[in-house]
């Protein structure tokens, strides 16, 4: 597996084009280039966390401070952050735009990712969190803008799943 640098650049440009200047993230293989790009960008504030639930709290604080933000996480991280998503973002109607590296679906070679991949979509549906899949680097920028806008207009969490087609060469 090789992470696509070109497609990661397309995702990062989509984040910037959406007016995002604040990212919370937990490092993950598919996100490596996104984190490097954000870390090297003097116009971007990148906060790396030890647990994704921390990222939810930081993103909520950024929202209340008027700072457009986005979360980067893997689907296992999304599952680990459910308490913060439900008891903070959903309860207090905090827009939360999540870009989720969707590991563990068809073609996944690593068994430690498969169980999280199997349950991610059903959990999103159970929580009534709107989501879409990003598969095409030509369309991902528009999808990021639309997901961020939707999180703001609905005052709720929204997820854009970064697929294997997008994130791997």
N, C-alpha and C. Protein backbone atom coordinates (compact mmCIF):
# COMPACT_ATOMS: atom_id res chain seq x y z
N UNK A 1 0.84 -1.19 0.00
CA UNK A 1 0.00 0.00 0.00
C UNK A 1 0.88 1.24 0.00
N UNK A 2 0.58 2.14 -0.92
CA UNK A 2 1.27 3.42 -0.99
C UNK A 2 0.23 4.53 -0.92
N UNK A 3 0.43 5.45 0.01
CA UNK A 3 -0.47 6.59 0.12
C UNK A 3 -0.18 7.54 -1.04
N UNK A 4 -1.23 8.04 -1.65
CA UNK A 4 -1.10 8.94 -2.80
C UNK A 4 -0.79 10.36 -2.36
N UNK A 5 0.41 10.82 -2.70
CA UNK A 5 0.78 12.20 -2.39
C UNK A 5 -0.06 13.17 -3.21
N UNK A 6 -0.24 12.89 -4.49
CA UNK A 6 -1.03 13.80 -5.35
C UNK A 6 -2.46 13.94 -4.85
N UNK A 7 -3.09 12.83 -4.50
CA UNK A 7 -4.47 12.90 -4.02
C UNK A 7 -4.54 13.54 -2.64
N UNK A 8 -3.52 13.32 -1.82
CA UNK A 8 -3.47 14.00 -0.52
C UNK A 8 -3.38 15.51 -0.72
N UNK A 9 -2.61 15.93 -1.72
CA UNK A 9 -2.53 17.36 -2.03
C UNK A 9 -3.89 17.89 -2.48
N UNK A 10 -4.63 17.10 -3.25
CA UNK A 10 -5.97 17.52 -3.69
C UNK A 10 -6.90 17.66 -2.48
N UNK A 11 -6.83 16.74 -1.54
CA UNK A 11 -7.64 16.83 -0.32
C UNK A 11 -7.24 18.08 0.47
N UNK A 12 -5.95 18.29 0.63
CA UNK A 12 -5.49 19.45 1.41
C UNK A 12 -5.91 20.76 0.75
N UNK A 13 -5.79 20.82 -0.56
CA UNK A 13 -6.22 22.03 -1.26
C UNK A 13 -7.72 22.24 -1.08
N UNK A 14 -8.49 21.16 -1.07
CA UNK A 14 -9.92 21.26 -0.81
C UNK A 14 -10.22 21.82 0.58
N UNK A 15 -9.43 21.41 1.56
CA UNK A 15 -9.57 21.94 2.92
C UNK A 15 -9.32 23.44 2.91
N UNK A 16 -8.23 23.86 2.28
CA UNK A 16 -7.89 25.29 2.23
C UNK A 16 -8.93 26.08 1.45
N UNK A 17 -9.39 25.52 0.33
CA UNK A 17 -10.39 26.21 -0.49
C UNK A 17 -11.71 26.37 0.24
N UNK A 18 -11.97 25.52 1.21
CA UNK A 18 -13.20 25.64 2.02
C UNK A 18 -13.06 26.71 3.10
N UNK A 19 -11.90 27.35 3.17
CA UNK A 19 -11.68 28.40 4.16
C UNK A 19 -11.24 27.88 5.51
N UNK A 20 -10.82 26.63 5.57
CA UNK A 20 -10.39 26.02 6.82
C UNK A 20 -8.95 26.42 7.11
N UNK A 21 -8.72 26.88 8.32
CA UNK A 21 -7.37 27.23 8.75
C UNK A 21 -7.03 26.58 10.09
N UNK A 22 -7.87 25.63 10.51
CA UNK A 22 -7.68 24.99 11.81
C UNK A 22 -8.06 23.52 11.67
N UNK A 23 -7.10 22.65 11.92
CA UNK A 23 -7.32 21.20 11.79
C UNK A 23 -6.96 20.52 13.10
N UNK A 24 -7.83 19.63 13.55
CA UNK A 24 -7.47 18.73 14.65
C UNK A 24 -7.37 17.34 14.06
N UNK A 25 -6.37 16.59 14.51
CA UNK A 25 -6.12 15.29 13.90
C UNK A 25 -5.36 14.37 14.84
N UNK A 26 -5.52 13.09 14.59
CA UNK A 26 -4.69 12.07 15.19
C UNK A 26 -3.96 11.40 14.03
N UNK A 27 -2.63 11.27 14.13
CA UNK A 27 -1.87 10.69 13.01
C UNK A 27 -2.37 9.30 12.62
N UNK A 28 -2.38 9.05 11.31
CA UNK A 28 -2.82 7.77 10.74
C UNK A 28 -2.15 7.64 9.39
N UNK A 29 -1.89 6.44 8.95
CA UNK A 29 -1.12 6.20 7.73
C UNK A 29 -1.66 6.96 6.53
N UNK A 30 -2.95 6.87 6.24
CA UNK A 30 -3.51 7.54 5.08
C UNK A 30 -3.47 9.06 5.21
N UNK A 31 -3.32 9.57 6.42
CA UNK A 31 -3.34 11.01 6.66
C UNK A 31 -1.95 11.62 6.71
N UNK A 32 -0.91 10.81 6.54
CA UNK A 32 0.46 11.27 6.75
C UNK A 32 0.79 12.51 5.92
N UNK A 33 0.47 12.51 4.65
CA UNK A 33 0.80 13.67 3.81
C UNK A 33 -0.06 14.88 4.16
N UNK A 34 -1.32 14.64 4.50
CA UNK A 34 -2.19 15.76 4.90
C UNK A 34 -1.62 16.45 6.14
N UNK A 35 -1.16 15.66 7.09
CA UNK A 35 -0.59 16.23 8.31
C UNK A 35 0.71 16.96 8.02
N UNK A 36 1.54 16.42 7.13
CA UNK A 36 2.77 17.10 6.76
C UNK A 36 2.48 18.42 6.07
N UNK A 37 1.54 18.42 5.14
CA UNK A 37 1.17 19.65 4.44
C UNK A 37 0.66 20.70 5.42
N UNK A 38 -0.18 20.29 6.35
CA UNK A 38 -0.72 21.23 7.34
C UNK A 38 0.37 21.75 8.26
N UNK A 39 1.26 20.86 8.67
CA UNK A 39 2.34 21.24 9.59
C UNK A 39 3.30 22.23 8.94
N UNK A 40 3.51 22.11 7.64
CA UNK A 40 4.44 22.98 6.92
C UNK A 40 3.79 24.28 6.44
N UNK A 41 2.49 24.41 6.57
CA UNK A 41 1.75 25.56 6.06
C UNK A 41 1.63 26.62 7.16
N UNK A 42 2.28 27.77 7.00
CA UNK A 42 2.21 28.79 8.05
C UNK A 42 0.81 29.39 8.25
N UNK A 43 -0.08 29.17 7.27
CA UNK A 43 -1.45 29.70 7.38
C UNK A 43 -2.39 28.72 8.08
N UNK A 44 -1.90 27.51 8.40
CA UNK A 44 -2.76 26.48 8.99
C UNK A 44 -2.35 26.23 10.43
N UNK A 45 -3.34 26.07 11.28
CA UNK A 45 -3.11 25.66 12.67
C UNK A 45 -3.47 24.18 12.77
N UNK A 46 -2.48 23.35 13.03
CA UNK A 46 -2.69 21.92 13.17
C UNK A 46 -2.51 21.54 14.64
N UNK A 47 -3.53 20.95 15.21
CA UNK A 47 -3.46 20.43 16.58
C UNK A 47 -3.55 18.92 16.49
N UNK A 48 -2.45 18.24 16.82
CA UNK A 48 -2.45 16.79 16.84
C UNK A 48 -2.80 16.33 18.25
N UNK A 49 -3.65 15.33 18.34
CA UNK A 49 -4.16 14.87 19.63
C UNK A 49 -3.75 13.41 19.87
N UNK A 50 -3.89 12.99 21.11
CA UNK A 50 -3.60 11.61 21.47
C UNK A 50 -4.84 10.73 21.34
N UNK A 51 -6.02 11.34 21.46
CA UNK A 51 -7.29 10.61 21.33
C UNK A 51 -8.25 11.48 20.52
N UNK A 52 -9.02 10.84 19.66
CA UNK A 52 -9.93 11.59 18.80
C UNK A 52 -11.01 12.33 19.56
N UNK A 53 -11.40 11.82 20.72
CA UNK A 53 -12.40 12.54 21.50
C UNK A 53 -11.88 13.92 21.92
N UNK A 54 -10.57 14.04 22.14
CA UNK A 54 -9.98 15.35 22.41
C UNK A 54 -10.18 16.28 21.22
N UNK A 55 -10.05 15.72 20.01
CA UNK A 55 -10.20 16.52 18.80
C UNK A 55 -11.60 17.10 18.70
N UNK A 56 -12.60 16.36 19.15
CA UNK A 56 -13.98 16.86 19.14
C UNK A 56 -14.09 18.09 20.04
N UNK A 57 -13.53 18.02 21.24
CA UNK A 57 -13.58 19.15 22.16
C UNK A 57 -12.83 20.36 21.62
N UNK A 58 -11.67 20.13 21.04
CA UNK A 58 -10.89 21.23 20.47
C UNK A 58 -11.63 21.86 19.29
N UNK A 59 -12.22 21.03 18.44
CA UNK A 59 -12.98 21.54 17.29
C UNK A 59 -14.19 22.35 17.77
N UNK A 60 -14.84 21.91 18.82
CA UNK A 60 -15.97 22.67 19.37
C UNK A 60 -15.49 24.02 19.88
N UNK A 61 -14.37 24.03 20.58
CA UNK A 61 -13.81 25.30 21.05
C UNK A 61 -13.46 26.23 19.90
N UNK A 62 -12.88 25.68 18.83
CA UNK A 62 -12.55 26.49 17.66
C UNK A 62 -13.82 27.08 17.05
N UNK A 63 -14.87 26.27 16.96
CA UNK A 63 -16.13 26.76 16.42
C UNK A 63 -16.67 27.92 17.26
N UNK A 64 -16.68 27.76 18.59
CA UNK A 64 -17.19 28.82 19.46
C UNK A 64 -16.32 30.07 19.41
N UNK A 65 -15.05 29.91 19.03
CA UNK A 65 -14.15 31.05 18.87
C UNK A 65 -14.23 31.66 17.47
N UNK A 66 -15.11 31.09 16.62
CA UNK A 66 -15.30 31.62 15.28
C UNK A 66 -14.28 31.16 14.26
N UNK A 67 -13.58 30.07 14.55
CA UNK A 67 -12.53 29.56 13.67
C UNK A 67 -13.03 28.36 12.87
N UNK A 68 -13.19 28.49 11.55
CA UNK A 68 -13.60 27.34 10.74
C UNK A 68 -12.59 26.20 10.90
N UNK A 69 -13.08 25.01 11.12
CA UNK A 69 -12.18 23.90 11.42
C UNK A 69 -12.69 22.60 10.81
N UNK A 70 -11.80 21.62 10.81
CA UNK A 70 -12.13 20.30 10.29
C UNK A 70 -11.37 19.28 11.12
N UNK A 71 -11.93 18.08 11.24
CA UNK A 71 -11.26 16.99 11.94
C UNK A 71 -10.78 15.96 10.94
N UNK A 72 -9.57 15.45 11.14
CA UNK A 72 -9.03 14.36 10.35
C UNK A 72 -8.86 13.17 11.29
N UNK A 73 -9.43 12.03 10.90
CA UNK A 73 -9.32 10.84 11.73
C UNK A 73 -9.54 9.60 10.90
N UNK A 74 -9.19 8.47 11.46
CA UNK A 74 -9.47 7.18 10.84
C UNK A 74 -10.81 6.69 11.38
N UNK A 75 -11.43 5.73 10.73
CA UNK A 75 -12.74 5.29 11.20
C UNK A 75 -12.69 4.67 12.60
N UNK A 76 -11.62 4.01 12.98
CA UNK A 76 -11.53 3.53 14.37
C UNK A 76 -11.50 4.71 15.34
N UNK A 77 -10.88 5.80 14.91
CA UNK A 77 -10.87 7.01 15.73
C UNK A 77 -12.25 7.62 15.85
N UNK A 78 -13.00 7.60 14.75
CA UNK A 78 -14.39 8.06 14.80
C UNK A 78 -15.15 7.25 15.84
N UNK A 79 -14.98 5.93 15.80
CA UNK A 79 -15.69 5.07 16.76
C UNK A 79 -15.25 5.38 18.20
N UNK A 80 -13.98 5.70 18.39
CA UNK A 80 -13.48 6.04 19.72
C UNK A 80 -14.01 7.39 20.20
N UNK A 81 -14.40 8.25 19.29
CA UNK A 81 -14.85 9.61 19.64
C UNK A 81 -16.36 9.73 19.80
N UNK A 82 -17.08 8.64 19.74
CA UNK A 82 -18.55 8.68 19.76
C UNK A 82 -19.08 9.46 20.97
N UNK A 83 -18.52 9.25 22.14
CA UNK A 83 -19.03 9.96 23.32
C UNK A 83 -18.97 11.47 23.13
N UNK A 84 -17.84 11.99 22.67
CA UNK A 84 -17.73 13.43 22.43
C UNK A 84 -18.64 13.92 21.33
N UNK A 85 -18.78 13.12 20.30
CA UNK A 85 -19.66 13.49 19.19
C UNK A 85 -21.10 13.60 19.67
N UNK A 86 -21.55 12.60 20.43
CA UNK A 86 -22.95 12.59 20.88
C UNK A 86 -23.18 13.58 22.02
N UNK A 87 -22.32 13.54 23.06
CA UNK A 87 -22.60 14.33 24.26
C UNK A 87 -22.15 15.78 24.16
N UNK A 88 -21.35 16.12 23.15
CA UNK A 88 -20.96 17.52 22.96
C UNK A 88 -21.52 18.06 21.65
N UNK A 89 -21.04 17.53 20.54
CA UNK A 89 -21.42 18.11 19.24
C UNK A 89 -22.91 17.98 18.95
N UNK A 90 -23.46 16.79 19.16
CA UNK A 90 -24.88 16.61 18.85
C UNK A 90 -25.77 17.29 19.89
N UNK A 91 -25.43 17.14 21.15
CA UNK A 91 -26.25 17.71 22.21
C UNK A 91 -26.32 19.24 22.13
N UNK A 92 -25.16 19.87 21.86
CA UNK A 92 -25.10 21.33 21.85
C UNK A 92 -25.10 21.93 20.45
N UNK A 93 -25.43 21.08 19.45
CA UNK A 93 -25.58 21.53 18.06
C UNK A 93 -24.33 22.24 17.56
N UNK A 94 -23.21 21.56 17.69
CA UNK A 94 -21.92 22.07 17.24
C UNK A 94 -21.61 21.48 15.86
N UNK A 95 -21.40 22.33 14.85
CA UNK A 95 -21.01 21.81 13.55
C UNK A 95 -19.67 21.08 13.67
N UNK A 96 -19.61 19.91 13.13
CA UNK A 96 -18.39 19.09 13.21
C UNK A 96 -18.19 18.44 11.85
N UNK A 97 -17.23 18.93 11.09
CA UNK A 97 -16.94 18.36 9.78
C UNK A 97 -15.77 17.40 9.94
N UNK A 98 -16.05 16.12 9.71
CA UNK A 98 -15.06 15.08 9.91
C UNK A 98 -14.65 14.48 8.58
N UNK A 99 -13.35 14.46 8.30
CA UNK A 99 -12.81 13.72 7.17
C UNK A 99 -12.27 12.43 7.77
N UNK A 100 -12.88 11.32 7.40
CA UNK A 100 -12.57 10.03 8.02
C UNK A 100 -11.89 9.11 7.01
N UNK A 101 -10.67 8.69 7.33
CA UNK A 101 -9.98 7.69 6.50
C UNK A 101 -10.73 6.38 6.71
N UNK A 102 -11.43 5.94 5.66
CA UNK A 102 -12.30 4.78 5.78
C UNK A 102 -11.51 3.50 5.49
N UNK A 103 -10.90 2.99 6.53
CA UNK A 103 -10.14 1.75 6.44
C UNK A 103 -11.07 0.57 6.69
N UNK A 104 -10.63 -0.61 6.26
CA UNK A 104 -11.35 -1.83 6.61
C UNK A 104 -12.50 -2.21 5.71
N UNK A 105 -12.55 -1.68 4.49
CA UNK A 105 -13.61 -2.09 3.57
C UNK A 105 -12.99 -2.96 2.48
N UNK A 106 -13.73 -3.26 1.44
CA UNK A 106 -13.27 -4.18 0.40
C UNK A 106 -11.86 -3.85 -0.05
N UNK A 107 -11.02 -4.89 -0.08
CA UNK A 107 -9.63 -4.72 -0.48
C UNK A 107 -8.68 -4.47 0.67
N UNK A 108 -9.19 -4.35 1.88
CA UNK A 108 -8.34 -4.08 3.04
C UNK A 108 -7.44 -5.27 3.33
N UNK A 109 -6.11 -5.09 3.30
CA UNK A 109 -5.20 -6.21 3.54
C UNK A 109 -4.88 -6.43 5.02
N UNK A 110 -5.26 -5.50 5.89
CA UNK A 110 -4.86 -5.59 7.29
C UNK A 110 -6.05 -5.95 8.16
N UNK A 111 -6.00 -7.10 8.84
CA UNK A 111 -7.15 -7.56 9.62
C UNK A 111 -7.53 -6.63 10.77
N UNK A 112 -6.60 -5.86 11.30
CA UNK A 112 -6.93 -4.98 12.43
C UNK A 112 -7.82 -3.81 12.01
N UNK A 113 -7.97 -3.58 10.71
CA UNK A 113 -8.85 -2.51 10.25
C UNK A 113 -10.26 -2.99 9.91
N UNK A 114 -10.43 -4.29 9.67
CA UNK A 114 -11.69 -4.74 9.07
C UNK A 114 -12.90 -4.56 9.98
N UNK A 115 -12.79 -4.84 11.25
CA UNK A 115 -13.98 -4.73 12.11
C UNK A 115 -14.49 -3.29 12.19
N UNK A 116 -13.58 -2.34 12.32
CA UNK A 116 -14.00 -0.93 12.32
C UNK A 116 -14.61 -0.52 11.00
N UNK A 117 -14.05 -1.04 9.91
CA UNK A 117 -14.60 -0.73 8.59
C UNK A 117 -16.00 -1.27 8.40
N UNK A 118 -16.24 -2.44 8.95
CA UNK A 118 -17.56 -3.07 8.82
C UNK A 118 -18.64 -2.27 9.53
N UNK A 119 -18.31 -1.68 10.68
CA UNK A 119 -19.35 -1.02 11.48
C UNK A 119 -19.43 0.50 11.31
N UNK A 120 -18.47 1.12 10.62
CA UNK A 120 -18.47 2.58 10.53
C UNK A 120 -19.75 3.12 9.91
N UNK A 121 -20.11 2.64 8.74
CA UNK A 121 -21.31 3.15 8.07
C UNK A 121 -22.58 2.89 8.89
N UNK A 122 -22.78 1.68 9.45
CA UNK A 122 -23.97 1.48 10.28
C UNK A 122 -24.02 2.40 11.50
N UNK A 123 -22.86 2.72 12.09
CA UNK A 123 -22.85 3.62 13.24
C UNK A 123 -23.21 5.04 12.80
N UNK A 124 -22.65 5.50 11.69
CA UNK A 124 -23.03 6.81 11.16
C UNK A 124 -24.53 6.89 10.92
N UNK A 125 -25.08 5.84 10.32
CA UNK A 125 -26.54 5.82 10.07
C UNK A 125 -27.33 5.80 11.38
N UNK A 126 -26.89 5.01 12.35
CA UNK A 126 -27.60 4.92 13.63
C UNK A 126 -27.61 6.27 14.35
N UNK A 127 -26.55 7.05 14.19
CA UNK A 127 -26.48 8.36 14.82
C UNK A 127 -27.09 9.47 13.96
N UNK A 128 -27.61 9.11 12.81
CA UNK A 128 -28.18 10.08 11.86
C UNK A 128 -27.17 11.15 11.46
N UNK A 129 -25.91 10.74 11.30
CA UNK A 129 -24.87 11.66 10.84
C UNK A 129 -24.80 11.54 9.33
N UNK A 130 -25.07 12.63 8.61
CA UNK A 130 -24.97 12.59 7.15
C UNK A 130 -23.52 12.29 6.74
N UNK A 131 -23.37 11.49 5.69
CA UNK A 131 -22.03 11.16 5.22
C UNK A 131 -22.04 10.90 3.72
N UNK A 132 -20.85 10.99 3.15
CA UNK A 132 -20.65 10.69 1.74
C UNK A 132 -19.26 10.10 1.61
N UNK A 133 -18.97 9.52 0.45
CA UNK A 133 -17.67 8.93 0.17
C UNK A 133 -16.92 9.81 -0.82
N UNK A 134 -15.65 10.07 -0.52
CA UNK A 134 -14.77 10.78 -1.45
C UNK A 134 -13.91 9.73 -2.14
N UNK A 135 -14.06 9.64 -3.46
CA UNK A 135 -13.32 8.64 -4.24
C UNK A 135 -12.48 9.26 -5.36
N UNK A 136 -12.83 10.47 -5.76
CA UNK A 136 -12.25 11.08 -6.95
C UNK A 136 -11.51 12.36 -6.57
N UNK A 137 -10.20 12.43 -6.86
CA UNK A 137 -9.45 13.63 -6.50
C UNK A 137 -9.94 14.89 -7.22
N UNK A 138 -10.61 14.72 -8.35
CA UNK A 138 -11.14 15.87 -9.08
C UNK A 138 -12.38 16.46 -8.39
N UNK A 139 -13.04 15.65 -7.56
CA UNK A 139 -14.29 16.08 -6.92
C UNK A 139 -14.16 16.32 -5.42
N UNK A 140 -13.05 15.89 -4.83
CA UNK A 140 -12.94 15.92 -3.37
C UNK A 140 -12.98 17.34 -2.80
N UNK A 141 -12.43 18.31 -3.51
CA UNK A 141 -12.47 19.69 -3.02
C UNK A 141 -13.90 20.19 -2.86
N UNK A 142 -14.70 19.94 -3.87
CA UNK A 142 -16.12 20.33 -3.81
C UNK A 142 -16.83 19.58 -2.68
N UNK A 143 -16.52 18.30 -2.52
CA UNK A 143 -17.16 17.51 -1.46
C UNK A 143 -16.79 18.05 -0.08
N UNK A 144 -15.55 18.46 0.10
CA UNK A 144 -15.13 19.03 1.39
C UNK A 144 -15.89 20.32 1.66
N UNK A 145 -15.95 21.20 0.67
CA UNK A 145 -16.69 22.47 0.84
C UNK A 145 -18.15 22.19 1.19
N UNK A 146 -18.76 21.24 0.48
CA UNK A 146 -20.17 20.93 0.72
C UNK A 146 -20.37 20.31 2.11
N UNK A 147 -19.47 19.43 2.52
CA UNK A 147 -19.59 18.82 3.85
C UNK A 147 -19.44 19.87 4.94
N UNK A 148 -18.47 20.76 4.77
CA UNK A 148 -18.27 21.81 5.78
C UNK A 148 -19.47 22.75 5.83
N UNK A 149 -19.97 23.15 4.68
CA UNK A 149 -21.15 24.01 4.63
C UNK A 149 -22.35 23.33 5.28
N UNK A 150 -22.52 22.05 4.99
CA UNK A 150 -23.67 21.31 5.56
C UNK A 150 -23.55 21.19 7.07
N UNK A 151 -22.34 20.98 7.58
CA UNK A 151 -22.19 20.91 9.04
C UNK A 151 -22.58 22.24 9.68
N UNK A 152 -22.23 23.35 9.03
CA UNK A 152 -22.58 24.67 9.56
C UNK A 152 -24.09 24.94 9.46
N UNK A 153 -24.68 24.60 8.33
CA UNK A 153 -26.11 24.90 8.16
C UNK A 153 -27.00 23.98 8.99
N UNK A 154 -26.54 22.77 9.25
CA UNK A 154 -27.33 21.82 10.05
C UNK A 154 -26.97 21.85 11.52
N UNK A 155 -25.88 22.56 11.85
CA UNK A 155 -25.37 22.59 13.23
C UNK A 155 -25.23 21.18 13.78
N UNK A 156 -24.55 20.34 13.00
CA UNK A 156 -24.41 18.95 13.40
C UNK A 156 -23.15 18.34 12.80
N UNK A 157 -22.78 17.16 13.30
CA UNK A 157 -21.67 16.44 12.69
C UNK A 157 -22.01 15.97 11.29
N UNK A 158 -21.01 16.00 10.42
CA UNK A 158 -21.10 15.51 9.05
C UNK A 158 -19.79 14.79 8.77
N UNK A 159 -19.85 13.69 8.02
CA UNK A 159 -18.64 12.93 7.73
C UNK A 159 -18.43 12.79 6.22
N UNK A 160 -17.20 12.95 5.82
CA UNK A 160 -16.79 12.64 4.45
C UNK A 160 -15.75 11.52 4.57
N UNK A 161 -16.10 10.37 4.02
CA UNK A 161 -15.26 9.19 4.13
C UNK A 161 -14.22 9.20 3.01
N UNK A 162 -12.95 9.22 3.39
CA UNK A 162 -11.86 9.19 2.43
C UNK A 162 -11.59 7.73 2.08
N UNK A 163 -11.91 7.35 0.86
CA UNK A 163 -11.88 5.94 0.44
C UNK A 163 -10.48 5.49 0.01
N UNK A 164 -10.33 4.20 -0.11
CA UNK A 164 -9.10 3.59 -0.63
C UNK A 164 -8.81 4.09 -2.05
N UNK A 165 -9.85 4.24 -2.87
CA UNK A 165 -9.67 4.74 -4.24
C UNK A 165 -9.00 6.10 -4.25
N UNK A 166 -9.31 6.93 -3.27
CA UNK A 166 -8.75 8.27 -3.19
C UNK A 166 -7.38 8.28 -2.53
N UNK A 167 -7.21 7.55 -1.46
CA UNK A 167 -6.03 7.71 -0.62
C UNK A 167 -4.85 6.83 -0.99
N UNK A 168 -5.06 5.81 -1.80
CA UNK A 168 -3.95 4.94 -2.19
C UNK A 168 -3.64 5.07 -3.67
N UNK A 169 -2.37 4.88 -4.00
CA UNK A 169 -1.95 4.84 -5.42
C UNK A 169 -2.21 3.46 -5.97
